[in-house]
Amino acid sequence: MFNLLDRAETGVNLSPDEALRLFNVPFEDVLGLFDAANRIRMKHFGNRVDLCSLVNAKSGNCSEDCAFCSQSVHHRANIRKYGLLPKEKILGRAVEMERAGAHRFCIVVSGGAVVRETERRGILEALEAIRTKTGLLTCASLGFLDSRWARRLLNAGLVRYHHNLEAAPGFYPSICSTHPLERRIETAELAVDAGLELCSGGIWGMGETPRQRIELAFELKRLKVSSIPINLLNPIPGTRLERQPPEPPLNHLKMVAVYRFLFPAAEIRFAGGREINLRQLQPLGMLAGANGLMIGHYLTTSGRSVEADMEMISDLRLTAAAPDDAAFEKAAFGDFKRRFS
């Protein structure tokens, strides 16, 4: 195993079989696995933790049938449903989360795509307000894209586009039948072609195998993602996966370490479901290769308090990143400012 760890630390690509061997390390070698992943994280990000937050800017009534999603009309989950929030509410949430410590902010809407021009204009106005009234780096998760819409978002100040693949090609048909994985891949490629950074990951714990999680990783590698959100299934009542049993926390942490070997310089961020899936092992996630957190509440579920996350970061002797950190200035914020200077 440690020969593989040495290769990973020096940047030598691992094969899917080798990645699976790392995941399957015996228990006595787990801390060695985490240590090697942590060294890679430190090499590329130091002690900085990338903090992102979001607003559920349009909730429910989605026509897609993703098995995990409480916002689908195919499910009976008990959630709030509403149309696109006004610019002032979106901006207010952004200001609130910037004060709480976030330096990235994502506008998220339900549905397969934003097609109404009134909604597109509302999103563009909200992005421009966030750009001019905060220091936040902007992200958006708006479903499927076309090239013209992607360019309009870029010109309004969008830095990063979020569009999860959700699952590996071999598992994806079992969680969604209303659109193929290829359409998600097409949107991810359109975002990159338009000049946006790409944030794309998946959900673990839906019944997929470790090999399929690694298969997802190699699809993400092909897309050259900048950021990988790791969602851990929160089986919401009323969805098709409401009875899906949880996995041991160490399974998720070992896979995070494997992803760090496969993506030495990409952000790897814990997002929804970490509280109920990692339980008391959440701090270990930051020492197993992750360098980012989604803070605050999620789309239709609650996260833990920002204060608890900040305490965890401090106790680990890590530091919440800010947009004026040199590494982030070079990676994204500088381009963002030059575009509008």
Protein backbone atom coordinates (compact mmCIF):
# COMPACT_ATOMS: atom_id res chain seq x y z
CA MET A 1 0.00 0.00 0.00
CA PHE A 2 2.67 2.51 0.97
CA ASN A 3 4.33 2.24 -2.43
CA LEU A 4 1.00 3.46 -3.85
CA LEU A 5 0.91 6.29 -1.31
CA ASP A 6 4.42 7.36 -2.29
CA ARG A 7 3.40 7.39 -5.95
CA ALA A 8 0.28 9.41 -5.19
CA GLU A 9 2.25 12.01 -3.23
CA THR A 10 4.65 12.51 -6.11
CA GLY A 11 1.79 13.05 -8.54
CA VAL A 12 1.97 9.76 -10.43
CA ASN A 13 -1.47 8.84 -11.72
CA LEU A 14 -3.17 5.87 -10.14
CA SER A 15 -5.33 3.43 -12.06
CA PRO A 16 -8.90 2.63 -10.94
CA ASP A 17 -7.71 -0.74 -9.60
CA GLU A 18 -4.93 0.91 -7.62
CA ALA A 19 -7.37 3.49 -6.22
CA LEU A 20 -9.64 0.66 -5.09
CA ARG A 21 -6.68 -1.06 -3.40
CA LEU A 22 -6.07 2.11 -1.41
CA PHE A 23 -9.70 2.22 -0.33
CA ASN A 24 -9.51 -1.40 0.82
CA VAL A 25 -6.58 -0.88 3.20
CA PRO A 26 -6.82 -2.88 6.44
CA PHE A 27 -7.95 -1.03 9.52
CA GLU A 28 -4.44 -0.83 10.96
CA ASP A 29 -3.31 1.20 7.94
CA VAL A 30 -6.20 3.68 7.86
CA LEU A 31 -4.33 6.42 9.72
CA GLY A 32 -1.41 6.02 7.32
CA LEU A 33 -3.85 6.49 4.44
CA PHE A 34 -5.23 9.66 6.03
CA ASP A 35 -1.76 10.99 6.79
CA ALA A 36 -0.64 10.64 3.19
CA ALA A 37 -3.80 12.34 1.90
CA ASN A 38 -3.37 15.13 4.44
CA ARG A 39 0.18 15.74 3.26
CA ILE A 40 -1.07 16.18 -0.30
CA ARG A 41 -3.75 18.60 0.92
CA MET A 42 -1.17 20.60 2.87
CA LYS A 43 1.14 20.77 -0.14
CA HIS A 44 -1.52 22.41 -2.30
CA PHE A 45 -3.67 24.32 0.19
CA GLY A 46 -1.68 24.73 3.37
CA ASN A 47 -3.88 25.12 6.42
CA ARG A 48 -6.68 26.99 4.61
CA VAL A 49 -10.25 25.66 4.48
CA ASP A 50 -12.49 26.82 1.61
CA LEU A 51 -15.92 27.81 2.96
CA CYS A 52 -18.99 28.02 0.74
CA SER A 53 -22.64 28.69 1.50
CA LEU A 54 -25.82 28.72 -0.56
CA VAL A 55 -29.32 30.03 -0.92
CA ASN A 56 -32.16 27.82 -2.11
CA ALA A 57 -33.42 30.53 -4.43
CA LYS A 58 -36.24 28.48 -5.96
CA SER A 59 -37.62 25.42 -4.20
CA GLY A 60 -39.57 22.36 -5.29
CA ASN A 61 -41.71 21.42 -8.29
CA CYS A 62 -38.82 19.88 -10.21
CA SER A 63 -39.92 17.64 -13.09
CA GLU A 64 -36.87 15.34 -12.84
CA ASP A 65 -37.09 12.08 -10.86
CA CYS A 66 -33.70 11.88 -9.10
CA ALA A 67 -34.17 9.25 -6.39
CA PHE A 68 -32.49 11.25 -3.63
CA CYS A 69 -34.16 14.62 -4.19
CA SER A 70 -36.91 16.00 -1.99
CA GLN A 71 -37.74 18.70 -4.57
CA SER A 72 -38.95 16.30 -7.26
CA VAL A 73 -42.65 16.27 -8.13
CA HIS A 74 -42.32 12.49 -8.35
CA HIS A 75 -41.83 12.35 -4.57
CA ARG A 76 -44.00 13.23 -1.59
CA ALA A 77 -41.42 14.91 0.64
CA ASN A 78 -42.71 17.60 2.98
CA ILE A 79 -40.76 20.69 1.91
CA ARG A 80 -41.41 24.37 1.29
CA LYS A 81 -42.10 25.20 -2.35
CA TYR A 82 -41.73 28.67 -3.82
CA GLY A 83 -40.71 30.52 -6.95
CA LEU A 84 -37.54 32.50 -7.53
CA LEU A 85 -36.68 34.73 -4.58
CA PRO A 86 -36.33 38.46 -5.22
CA LYS A 87 -32.86 39.90 -5.65
CA GLU A 88 -32.98 41.56 -2.23
CA LYS A 89 -33.54 38.27 -0.38
CA ILE A 90 -30.75 36.52 -2.29
CA LEU A 91 -28.38 39.40 -1.58
CA GLY A 92 -29.43 39.49 2.07
CA ARG A 93 -28.55 35.83 2.50
CA ALA A 94 -25.20 36.40 0.76
CA VAL A 95 -24.34 39.29 3.10
CA GLU A 96 -25.37 37.20 6.12
CA MET A 97 -23.15 34.28 5.14
CA GLU A 98 -20.20 36.52 4.27
CA ARG A 99 -20.38 37.92 7.78
CA ALA A 100 -20.54 34.37 9.13
CA GLY A 101 -17.27 33.48 7.40
CA ALA A 102 -18.11 32.16 3.92
CA HIS A 103 -16.09 33.45 0.98
CA ARG A 104 -18.05 31.66 -1.74
CA PHE A 105 -21.79 31.88 -2.25
CA CYS A 106 -23.97 29.75 -4.51
CA ILE A 107 -27.38 30.60 -5.96
CA VAL A 108 -29.29 27.32 -6.35
CA VAL A 109 -32.62 26.83 -8.12
CA SER A 110 -34.71 23.69 -8.52
CA GLY A 111 -35.71 22.31 -11.90
CA GLY A 112 -34.00 20.85 -14.93
CA ALA A 113 -33.09 24.25 -16.40
CA VAL A 114 -33.87 27.95 -16.11
CA VAL A 115 -35.83 28.73 -19.27
CA ARG A 116 -38.01 31.73 -18.40
CA GLU A 117 -36.39 35.03 -19.33
CA THR A 118 -37.87 36.73 -16.26
CA GLU A 119 -36.11 34.20 -14.03
CA ARG A 120 -32.86 34.52 -15.96
CA ARG A 121 -32.92 38.29 -15.54
CA GLY A 122 -33.64 37.91 -11.83
CA ILE A 123 -30.63 35.62 -11.40
CA LEU A 124 -28.36 37.95 -13.39
CA GLU A 125 -29.44 40.92 -11.27
CA ALA A 126 -28.77 38.96 -8.08
CA LEU A 127 -25.29 37.99 -9.30
CA GLU A 128 -24.48 41.59 -10.16
CA ALA A 129 -25.69 42.73 -6.73
CA ILE A 130 -23.51 40.15 -4.95
CA ARG A 131 -20.52 41.16 -7.09
CA THR A 132 -20.88 44.85 -6.34
CA LYS A 133 -22.00 44.73 -2.69
CA THR A 134 -19.91 41.87 -1.23
CA GLY A 135 -16.46 40.38 -1.57
CA LEU A 136 -17.85 36.90 -2.19
CA LEU A 137 -16.81 34.61 -5.01
CA THR A 138 -19.99 33.66 -6.84
CA CYS A 139 -21.27 30.22 -7.78
CA ALA A 140 -24.56 29.08 -9.29
CA SER A 141 -26.38 25.79 -9.62
CA LEU A 142 -29.08 26.37 -12.21
CA GLY A 143 -29.51 23.01 -13.95
CA PHE A 144 -28.81 22.45 -17.62
CA LEU A 145 -27.04 25.17 -19.61
CA ASP A 146 -26.87 26.37 -23.16
CA SER A 147 -23.81 28.28 -24.37
CA ARG A 148 -25.52 31.70 -24.57
CA TRP A 149 -26.93 31.42 -21.04
CA ALA A 150 -23.50 30.37 -19.76
CA ARG A 151 -21.89 33.45 -21.31
CA ARG A 152 -24.54 35.75 -19.82
CA LEU A 153 -23.83 34.31 -16.39
CA LEU A 154 -20.09 34.82 -16.85
CA ASN A 155 -20.61 38.43 -17.90
CA ALA A 156 -22.81 39.07 -14.85
CA GLY A 157 -19.99 38.08 -12.51
CA LEU A 158 -20.35 34.34 -12.08
CA VAL A 159 -17.04 32.68 -11.21
CA ARG A 160 -17.98 29.02 -10.80
CA TYR A 161 -20.78 26.77 -12.05
CA HIS A 162 -22.00 23.88 -9.96
CA HIS A 163 -23.48 20.85 -11.69
CA ASN A 164 -23.09 17.46 -10.04
CA LEU A 165 -22.79 14.27 -12.05
CA GLU A 166 -24.28 12.61 -8.93
CA ALA A 167 -23.15 9.05 -9.74
CA ALA A 168 -20.96 6.95 -11.99
CA PRO A 169 -22.18 6.01 -15.48
CA GLY A 170 -22.71 2.42 -14.37
CA PHE A 171 -24.97 3.40 -11.46
CA TYR A 172 -26.66 6.56 -12.71
CA PRO A 173 -29.63 4.88 -14.51
CA SER A 174 -30.78 3.44 -11.19
CA ILE A 175 -31.27 6.89 -9.65
CA CYS A 176 -32.65 8.95 -12.55
CA SER A 177 -34.73 8.13 -15.63
CA THR A 178 -35.87 11.57 -16.83
CA HIS A 179 -32.50 12.60 -18.27
CA PRO A 180 -29.28 10.71 -19.05
CA LEU A 181 -25.91 11.31 -17.43
CA GLU A 182 -24.64 12.51 -20.80
CA ARG A 183 -26.80 15.62 -20.49
CA ARG A 184 -25.18 16.47 -17.17
CA ILE A 185 -21.76 15.97 -18.72
CA GLU A 186 -22.72 18.24 -21.62
CA THR A 187 -23.66 21.05 -19.21
CA ALA A 188 -20.40 20.61 -17.28
CA GLU A 189 -18.46 20.92 -20.53
CA LEU A 190 -20.47 23.98 -21.62
CA ALA A 191 -19.63 25.73 -18.35
CA VAL A 192 -15.91 25.13 -18.82
CA ASP A 193 -16.04 26.16 -22.48
CA ALA A 194 -17.69 29.44 -21.47
CA GLY A 195 -14.79 30.24 -19.13
CA LEU A 196 -16.40 29.28 -15.82
CA GLU A 197 -14.76 27.16 -13.17
CA LEU A 198 -16.52 23.83 -12.70
CA CYS A 199 -17.76 22.50 -9.36
CA SER A 200 -19.00 18.95 -9.81
CA GLY A 201 -19.20 15.88 -7.62
CA GLY A 202 -21.78 13.41 -6.48
CA ILE A 203 -23.68 11.75 -3.69
CA TRP A 204 -22.28 8.78 -1.81
CA GLY A 205 -24.41 6.25 0.03
CA MET A 206 -27.18 5.66 -2.52
CA GLY A 207 -26.31 1.97 -2.91
CA GLU A 208 -23.34 2.35 -5.27
CA THR A 209 -20.17 0.33 -4.75
CA PRO A 210 -16.72 1.73 -3.88
CA ARG A 211 -15.62 0.87 -7.41
CA GLN A 212 -18.48 2.96 -8.79
CA ARG A 213 -17.41 5.93 -6.64
CA ILE A 214 -13.97 5.59 -8.17
CA GLU A 215 -15.57 5.34 -11.61
CA LEU A 216 -17.26 8.67 -10.85
CA ALA A 217 -13.89 10.13 -9.86
CA PHE A 218 -12.35 9.24 -13.20
CA GLU A 219 -15.26 10.85 -15.04
CA LEU A 220 -14.67 14.00 -12.99
CA LYS A 221 -10.95 13.87 -13.80
CA ARG A 222 -11.80 13.91 -17.49
CA LEU A 223 -13.86 17.08 -16.95
CA LYS A 224 -10.96 18.81 -15.13
CA VAL A 225 -13.09 19.98 -12.21
CA SER A 226 -11.89 22.78 -9.93
CA SER A 227 -14.03 21.77 -6.97
CA ILE A 228 -15.59 18.46 -5.91
CA PRO A 229 -18.50 18.60 -3.44
CA ILE A 230 -18.96 15.36 -1.56
CA ASN A 231 -22.58 14.88 -0.55
CA LEU A 232 -23.45 12.01 1.76
CA LEU A 233 -26.99 10.73 1.37
CA ASN A 234 -29.51 12.13 3.80
CA PRO A 235 -32.44 9.74 3.19
CA ILE A 236 -35.32 12.22 3.28
CA PRO A 237 -38.79 10.78 4.02
CA GLY A 238 -40.93 10.75 0.92
CA THR A 239 -38.08 10.10 -1.52
CA ARG A 240 -37.27 6.78 -3.18
CA LEU A 241 -34.16 6.42 -1.03
CA GLU A 242 -35.85 7.16 2.28
CA ARG A 243 -35.01 3.66 3.62
CA GLN A 244 -31.44 3.49 2.34
CA PRO A 245 -29.26 2.37 5.29
CA PRO A 246 -26.21 4.46 6.21
CA GLU A 247 -22.62 3.30 5.76
CA PRO A 248 -19.88 3.34 8.40
CA PRO A 249 -18.27 6.81 8.60
CA LEU A 250 -14.82 5.37 7.93
CA ASN A 251 -15.96 4.21 4.49
CA HIS A 252 -16.64 7.81 3.50
CA LEU A 253 -13.42 9.08 5.03
CA LYS A 254 -11.29 6.49 3.25
CA MET A 255 -12.89 7.41 -0.07
CA VAL A 256 -12.21 11.10 0.56
CA ALA A 257 -8.54 10.18 1.01
CA VAL A 258 -8.59 8.24 -2.26
CA TYR A 259 -10.16 11.23 -4.04
CA ARG A 260 -7.37 13.44 -2.70
CA PHE A 261 -4.80 11.12 -4.30
CA LEU A 262 -6.71 11.30 -7.57
CA PHE A 263 -7.22 15.09 -7.36
CA PRO A 264 -4.14 16.54 -5.67
CA ALA A 265 -4.91 20.19 -6.50
CA ALA A 266 -8.73 20.27 -6.67
CA GLU A 267 -10.90 21.51 -3.82
CA ILE A 268 -12.64 18.60 -2.09
CA ARG A 269 -15.55 19.87 -0.06
CA PHE A 270 -17.88 18.16 2.38
CA ALA A 271 -21.43 19.26 1.61
CA GLY A 272 -24.87 17.93 2.53
CA GLY A 273 -25.32 14.94 4.81
CA ARG A 274 -21.97 15.08 6.59
CA GLU A 275 -23.57 15.67 9.97
CA ILE A 276 -25.61 12.47 9.99
CA ASN A 277 -23.12 10.28 8.09
CA LEU A 278 -19.78 11.23 9.65
CA ARG A 279 -21.27 11.91 13.08
CA GLN A 280 -18.43 12.33 15.61
CA LEU A 281 -15.76 11.78 12.94
CA GLN A 282 -16.36 15.05 11.08
CA PRO A 283 -12.99 16.54 12.15
CA LEU A 284 -11.20 13.52 10.69
CA GLY A 285 -12.57 14.48 7.29
CA MET A 286 -10.37 17.56 7.26
CA LEU A 287 -7.35 15.38 8.10
CA ALA A 288 -8.17 12.79 5.45
CA GLY A 289 -7.73 15.11 2.49
CA ALA A 290 -10.75 17.43 2.39
CA ASN A 291 -10.04 21.17 2.28
CA GLY A 292 -13.54 22.64 2.02
CA LEU A 293 -16.89 22.79 3.78
CA MET A 294 -20.37 23.87 2.85
CA ILE A 295 -21.49 25.86 5.87
CA GLY A 296 -24.95 26.84 6.98
CA HIS A 297 -28.15 25.15 5.86
CA TYR A 298 -28.52 23.11 2.68
CA LEU A 299 -31.37 23.08 0.18
CA THR A 300 -34.19 21.47 2.15
CA THR A 301 -32.29 20.16 5.18
CA SER A 302 -30.52 21.85 8.06
CA GLY A 303 -26.79 21.89 8.54
CA ARG A 304 -25.15 22.39 11.88
CA SER A 305 -24.32 25.84 13.21
CA VAL A 306 -21.62 27.88 11.53
CA GLU A 307 -20.16 28.44 15.01
CA ALA A 308 -19.64 24.68 15.45
CA ASP A 309 -17.85 24.43 12.11
CA MET A 310 -15.65 27.43 12.90
CA GLU A 311 -14.77 25.88 16.26
CA MET A 312 -13.84 22.62 14.51
CA ILE A 313 -11.62 24.48 12.05
CA SER A 314 -9.91 26.35 14.87
CA ASP A 315 -9.44 23.22 17.00
CA LEU A 316 -7.72 21.53 14.03
CA ARG A 317 -5.40 24.57 13.77
CA LEU A 318 -6.76 25.30 10.31
CA THR A 319 -7.85 28.68 8.97
CA ALA A 320 -10.97 29.70 7.07
CA ALA A 321 -9.89 31.05 3.68
CA ALA A 322 -10.79 34.53 2.52
CA PRO A 323 -11.03 35.91 -1.03
CA ASP A 324 -7.86 37.97 -0.54
CA ASP A 325 -5.72 34.94 0.39
CA ALA A 326 -2.87 34.78 -2.11
CA ALA A 327 -3.66 31.27 -3.36
CA PHE A 328 -7.33 32.04 -3.93
CA GLU A 329 -6.48 35.45 -5.40
CA LYS A 330 -4.32 33.72 -8.00
CA ALA A 331 -6.70 30.83 -8.63
CA ALA A 332 -9.96 32.67 -9.09
CA PHE A 333 -10.56 36.02 -7.49
CA GLY A 334 -7.91 37.82 -9.51
CA ASP A 335 -9.53 36.79 -12.78
CA PHE A 336 -12.89 37.77 -11.33
CA LYS A 337 -11.70 41.26 -10.43
CA ARG A 338 -9.85 41.81 -13.69
CA ARG A 339 -12.99 40.95 -15.62
CA PHE A 340 -14.87 43.84 -13.96
CA SER A 341 -12.12 46.36 -13.29
